[in-house]
Amino acid sequence: MIVAFSISPSGGDETGGVSEAVAAAVRVVRASGLPTETNAMFTNVEGEWDEVMAVVKQAVDAVAAVSPRVSLVLKADIRPGYDGQLTAKVQRVEERLREA
C-alpha cells in the first residue's frame, strides 16, 4: 500500500514553528527504512498495512510532542500483492507522456 499523508501542529504556540514539527515527522518516516518521498504537500510511504500505519502513528507522536493538537490528512492506495508502486505509478504516466 501507499499512504500519502500530511501532518501539522495546530491549536497552540508550537516551539520552533510548523516546519520544525513537520521535519520531526519526516525524520521518523525516513528512519523507518520504507520507501518514501516528500513533496510540498504530502509525505508518501509504501509498505504493508501494519508497518505503514505504525510509521504514521510515530510521525503523529513526533508532532504531538511539540504541539497540543495535531492535524492529519491521509490518503491510501491499498493494493495487496504490489510493491514498488511509489515509483512505478509515476513511470507509467511518464511513459504515456513520451508517447504523445
N, C-alpha and C. Protein backbone atom coordinates (compact mmCIF):
# COMPACT_ATOMS: atom_id res chain seq x y z
N MET A 1 0.83 -1.18 0.00
CA MET A 1 0.00 0.00 0.00
C MET A 1 0.87 1.24 0.00
N ILE A 2 0.31 2.29 -0.54
CA ILE A 2 0.96 3.61 -0.49
C ILE A 2 0.05 4.52 0.32
N VAL A 3 0.64 5.24 1.25
CA VAL A 3 -0.10 6.22 2.02
C VAL A 3 0.54 7.58 1.78
N ALA A 4 -0.29 8.54 1.42
CA ALA A 4 0.12 9.94 1.32
C ALA A 4 -0.49 10.64 2.52
N PHE A 5 0.35 11.28 3.31
CA PHE A 5 -0.19 11.94 4.49
C PHE A 5 0.51 13.26 4.77
N SER A 6 -0.23 14.11 5.44
CA SER A 6 0.26 15.42 5.82
C SER A 6 -0.05 15.60 7.30
N ILE A 7 0.96 15.99 8.04
CA ILE A 7 0.80 16.22 9.48
C ILE A 7 1.27 17.63 9.78
N SER A 8 0.51 18.33 10.61
CA SER A 8 0.98 19.64 11.06
C SER A 8 0.44 19.93 12.45
N PRO A 9 1.19 20.71 13.20
CA PRO A 9 0.71 21.11 14.52
C PRO A 9 -0.37 22.16 14.35
N SER A 10 -1.31 22.18 15.27
CA SER A 10 -2.33 23.23 15.24
C SER A 10 -2.82 23.50 16.66
N GLY A 11 -3.37 24.67 16.84
CA GLY A 11 -4.02 24.98 18.11
C GLY A 11 -3.13 25.37 19.25
N GLY A 12 -1.96 25.90 18.96
CA GLY A 12 -1.12 26.31 20.08
C GLY A 12 0.11 27.04 19.59
N ASP A 13 0.94 27.44 20.52
CA ASP A 13 2.20 28.10 20.20
C ASP A 13 3.28 27.03 20.14
N GLU A 14 3.45 26.46 18.97
CA GLU A 14 4.42 25.38 18.82
C GLU A 14 5.84 25.94 18.95
N THR A 15 6.66 25.26 19.68
CA THR A 15 8.05 25.64 19.80
C THR A 15 8.76 25.31 18.50
N GLY A 16 9.35 26.33 17.86
CA GLY A 16 10.09 26.10 16.63
C GLY A 16 9.25 26.22 15.37
N GLY A 17 7.94 26.36 15.47
CA GLY A 17 7.11 26.56 14.31
C GLY A 17 6.72 25.28 13.61
N VAL A 18 5.92 25.45 12.57
CA VAL A 18 5.38 24.33 11.83
C VAL A 18 6.47 23.52 11.14
N SER A 19 7.41 24.18 10.49
CA SER A 19 8.42 23.44 9.71
C SER A 19 9.27 22.53 10.59
N GLU A 20 9.57 22.94 11.79
CA GLU A 20 10.36 22.09 12.69
C GLU A 20 9.57 20.84 13.09
N ALA A 21 8.28 21.02 13.39
CA ALA A 21 7.44 19.87 13.75
C ALA A 21 7.27 18.92 12.58
N VAL A 22 7.06 19.47 11.38
CA VAL A 22 6.94 18.64 10.19
C VAL A 22 8.25 17.90 9.92
N ALA A 23 9.36 18.58 10.10
CA ALA A 23 10.66 17.93 9.91
C ALA A 23 10.84 16.76 10.87
N ALA A 24 10.36 16.90 12.09
CA ALA A 24 10.45 15.80 13.06
C ALA A 24 9.65 14.60 12.56
N ALA A 25 8.48 14.85 11.99
CA ALA A 25 7.66 13.77 11.46
C ALA A 25 8.35 13.11 10.26
N VAL A 26 8.91 13.91 9.38
CA VAL A 26 9.59 13.36 8.20
C VAL A 26 10.82 12.55 8.60
N ARG A 27 11.52 12.98 9.64
CA ARG A 27 12.67 12.19 10.14
C ARG A 27 12.22 10.79 10.55
N VAL A 28 11.10 10.71 11.22
CA VAL A 28 10.55 9.41 11.65
C VAL A 28 10.27 8.54 10.43
N VAL A 29 9.63 9.12 9.43
CA VAL A 29 9.29 8.37 8.22
C VAL A 29 10.54 7.88 7.53
N ARG A 30 11.51 8.73 7.34
CA ARG A 30 12.75 8.34 6.64
C ARG A 30 13.54 7.31 7.43
N ALA A 31 13.48 7.37 8.74
CA ALA A 31 14.20 6.40 9.57
C ALA A 31 13.54 5.02 9.54
N SER A 32 12.31 4.95 9.04
CA SER A 32 11.58 3.68 9.03
C SER A 32 12.20 2.63 8.10
N GLY A 33 12.95 3.08 7.11
CA GLY A 33 13.52 2.16 6.14
C GLY A 33 12.57 1.82 5.00
N LEU A 34 11.34 2.30 5.06
CA LEU A 34 10.37 2.06 3.99
C LEU A 34 10.62 3.05 2.85
N PRO A 35 10.18 2.71 1.63
CA PRO A 35 10.30 3.67 0.53
C PRO A 35 9.45 4.90 0.83
N THR A 36 10.03 6.07 0.69
CA THR A 36 9.33 7.33 0.99
C THR A 36 9.69 8.40 -0.02
N GLU A 37 8.85 9.40 -0.08
CA GLU A 37 9.17 10.64 -0.78
C GLU A 37 8.38 11.75 -0.11
N THR A 38 8.95 12.93 -0.11
CA THR A 38 8.30 14.09 0.50
C THR A 38 8.21 15.18 -0.55
N ASN A 39 7.03 15.80 -0.66
CA ASN A 39 6.88 16.93 -1.57
C ASN A 39 6.27 18.10 -0.80
N ALA A 40 5.86 19.12 -1.49
CA ALA A 40 5.38 20.33 -0.83
C ALA A 40 4.10 20.12 -0.03
N MET A 41 3.34 19.08 -0.36
CA MET A 41 2.04 18.88 0.28
C MET A 41 1.95 17.64 1.15
N PHE A 42 2.66 16.57 0.79
CA PHE A 42 2.50 15.29 1.46
C PHE A 42 3.83 14.56 1.60
N THR A 43 3.83 13.60 2.49
CA THR A 43 4.88 12.60 2.55
C THR A 43 4.23 11.29 2.16
N ASN A 44 4.85 10.58 1.23
CA ASN A 44 4.35 9.28 0.78
C ASN A 44 5.23 8.18 1.35
N VAL A 45 4.60 7.11 1.76
CA VAL A 45 5.34 5.96 2.29
C VAL A 45 4.67 4.69 1.77
N GLU A 46 5.50 3.70 1.43
CA GLU A 46 4.99 2.45 0.87
C GLU A 46 5.42 1.27 1.72
N GLY A 47 4.49 0.34 1.92
CA GLY A 47 4.79 -0.87 2.68
C GLY A 47 3.51 -1.62 2.99
N GLU A 48 3.61 -2.56 3.90
CA GLU A 48 2.45 -3.32 4.34
C GLU A 48 1.64 -2.48 5.32
N TRP A 49 0.37 -2.79 5.40
CA TRP A 49 -0.58 -2.02 6.21
C TRP A 49 -0.05 -1.70 7.62
N ASP A 50 0.30 -2.73 8.37
CA ASP A 50 0.71 -2.53 9.76
C ASP A 50 1.97 -1.69 9.89
N GLU A 51 2.94 -1.90 9.01
CA GLU A 51 4.17 -1.13 9.12
C GLU A 51 3.97 0.33 8.69
N VAL A 52 3.16 0.57 7.67
CA VAL A 52 2.90 1.94 7.24
C VAL A 52 2.11 2.70 8.30
N MET A 53 1.08 2.06 8.84
CA MET A 53 0.27 2.74 9.85
C MET A 53 1.05 2.99 11.13
N ALA A 54 1.97 2.10 11.45
CA ALA A 54 2.84 2.32 12.61
C ALA A 54 3.72 3.54 12.40
N VAL A 55 4.23 3.71 11.19
CA VAL A 55 5.06 4.87 10.88
C VAL A 55 4.23 6.15 10.96
N VAL A 56 3.02 6.12 10.43
CA VAL A 56 2.15 7.29 10.51
C VAL A 56 1.90 7.66 11.98
N LYS A 57 1.62 6.67 12.80
CA LYS A 57 1.39 6.94 14.23
C LYS A 57 2.63 7.54 14.89
N GLN A 58 3.80 6.99 14.58
CA GLN A 58 5.04 7.52 15.15
C GLN A 58 5.28 8.97 14.70
N ALA A 59 4.94 9.26 13.44
CA ALA A 59 5.09 10.63 12.94
C ALA A 59 4.12 11.58 13.65
N VAL A 60 2.90 11.13 13.86
CA VAL A 60 1.92 11.93 14.61
C VAL A 60 2.44 12.17 16.03
N ASP A 61 2.97 11.14 16.66
CA ASP A 61 3.50 11.27 18.01
C ASP A 61 4.65 12.28 18.06
N ALA A 62 5.46 12.31 17.01
CA ALA A 62 6.58 13.27 16.96
C ALA A 62 6.06 14.71 16.93
N VAL A 63 5.00 14.95 16.19
CA VAL A 63 4.42 16.29 16.14
C VAL A 63 3.70 16.59 17.45
N ALA A 64 3.01 15.61 18.00
CA ALA A 64 2.29 15.80 19.26
C ALA A 64 3.23 16.13 20.41
N ALA A 65 4.49 15.76 20.29
CA ALA A 65 5.46 16.07 21.34
C ALA A 65 5.73 17.56 21.44
N VAL A 66 5.41 18.32 20.38
CA VAL A 66 5.67 19.76 20.41
C VAL A 66 4.41 20.60 20.21
N SER A 67 3.26 19.93 20.15
CA SER A 67 2.01 20.66 19.93
C SER A 67 0.87 19.99 20.67
N PRO A 68 -0.03 20.77 21.25
CA PRO A 68 -1.16 20.18 21.98
C PRO A 68 -2.23 19.61 21.04
N ARG A 69 -2.12 19.93 19.74
CA ARG A 69 -3.11 19.47 18.78
C ARG A 69 -2.42 19.18 17.46
N VAL A 70 -2.83 18.09 16.79
CA VAL A 70 -2.19 17.67 15.54
C VAL A 70 -3.26 17.48 14.47
N SER A 71 -2.98 17.99 13.29
CA SER A 71 -3.85 17.79 12.14
C SER A 71 -3.22 16.73 11.24
N LEU A 72 -4.02 15.73 10.83
CA LEU A 72 -3.55 14.65 9.97
C LEU A 72 -4.50 14.49 8.80
N VAL A 73 -3.96 14.53 7.58
CA VAL A 73 -4.70 14.22 6.36
C VAL A 73 -4.03 12.99 5.77
N LEU A 74 -4.84 11.98 5.44
CA LEU A 74 -4.28 10.71 4.98
C LEU A 74 -5.08 10.18 3.79
N LYS A 75 -4.36 9.72 2.78
CA LYS A 75 -4.97 9.08 1.62
C LYS A 75 -4.19 7.80 1.37
N ALA A 76 -4.91 6.69 1.11
CA ALA A 76 -4.24 5.39 0.95
C ALA A 76 -4.64 4.73 -0.36
N ASP A 77 -3.66 4.11 -1.00
CA ASP A 77 -3.88 3.26 -2.17
C ASP A 77 -3.59 1.84 -1.70
N ILE A 78 -4.63 1.08 -1.45
CA ILE A 78 -4.50 -0.27 -0.89
C ILE A 78 -4.62 -1.27 -2.02
N ARG A 79 -3.50 -1.91 -2.35
CA ARG A 79 -3.45 -2.85 -3.47
C ARG A 79 -2.55 -4.03 -3.09
N PRO A 80 -3.12 -5.02 -2.41
CA PRO A 80 -2.33 -6.15 -1.96
C PRO A 80 -1.59 -6.85 -3.12
N GLY A 81 -0.38 -7.28 -2.82
CA GLY A 81 0.40 -8.01 -3.81
C GLY A 81 1.27 -7.16 -4.71
N TYR A 82 1.20 -5.85 -4.55
CA TYR A 82 2.01 -4.95 -5.37
C TYR A 82 2.97 -4.19 -4.47
N ASP A 83 4.21 -4.08 -4.92
CA ASP A 83 5.15 -3.21 -4.23
C ASP A 83 5.94 -2.45 -5.29
N GLY A 84 6.73 -1.51 -4.88
CA GLY A 84 7.48 -0.69 -5.81
C GLY A 84 6.60 0.29 -6.58
N GLN A 85 5.37 0.48 -6.14
CA GLN A 85 4.44 1.34 -6.86
C GLN A 85 4.67 2.82 -6.63
N LEU A 86 5.42 3.16 -5.62
CA LEU A 86 5.72 4.57 -5.35
C LEU A 86 6.40 5.20 -6.56
N THR A 87 7.26 4.47 -7.21
CA THR A 87 7.91 4.97 -8.41
C THR A 87 7.27 4.43 -9.69
N ALA A 88 6.77 3.21 -9.67
CA ALA A 88 6.21 2.60 -10.87
C ALA A 88 5.00 3.36 -11.40
N LYS A 89 4.16 3.85 -10.52
CA LYS A 89 2.98 4.59 -10.96
C LYS A 89 3.39 5.85 -11.74
N VAL A 90 4.39 6.54 -11.26
CA VAL A 90 4.87 7.74 -11.93
C VAL A 90 5.53 7.38 -13.26
N GLN A 91 6.30 6.31 -13.27
CA GLN A 91 6.96 5.88 -14.51
C GLN A 91 5.96 5.56 -15.61
N ARG A 92 4.83 4.93 -15.26
CA ARG A 92 3.81 4.62 -16.26
C ARG A 92 3.23 5.89 -16.87
N VAL A 93 3.00 6.90 -16.07
CA VAL A 93 2.49 8.16 -16.59
C VAL A 93 3.53 8.83 -17.48
N GLU A 94 4.79 8.83 -17.04
CA GLU A 94 5.86 9.43 -17.85
C GLU A 94 5.99 8.73 -19.19
N GLU A 95 5.84 7.41 -19.23
CA GLU A 95 5.89 6.68 -20.49
C GLU A 95 4.77 7.14 -21.43
N ARG A 96 3.58 7.32 -20.89
CA ARG A 96 2.45 7.81 -21.70
C ARG A 96 2.73 9.21 -22.24
N LEU A 97 3.34 10.04 -21.44
CA LEU A 97 3.65 11.39 -21.88
C LEU A 97 4.66 11.39 -23.03
N ARG A 98 5.62 10.47 -23.00
CA ARG A 98 6.61 10.38 -24.07
C ARG A 98 5.98 9.89 -25.38
N GLU A 99 4.88 9.14 -25.30
CA GLU A 99 4.22 8.60 -26.49
C GLU A 99 3.51 9.70 -27.28
N ALA A 100 3.13 10.75 -26.61
CA ALA A 100 2.32 11.80 -27.26
C ALA A 100 3.12 12.65 -28.22
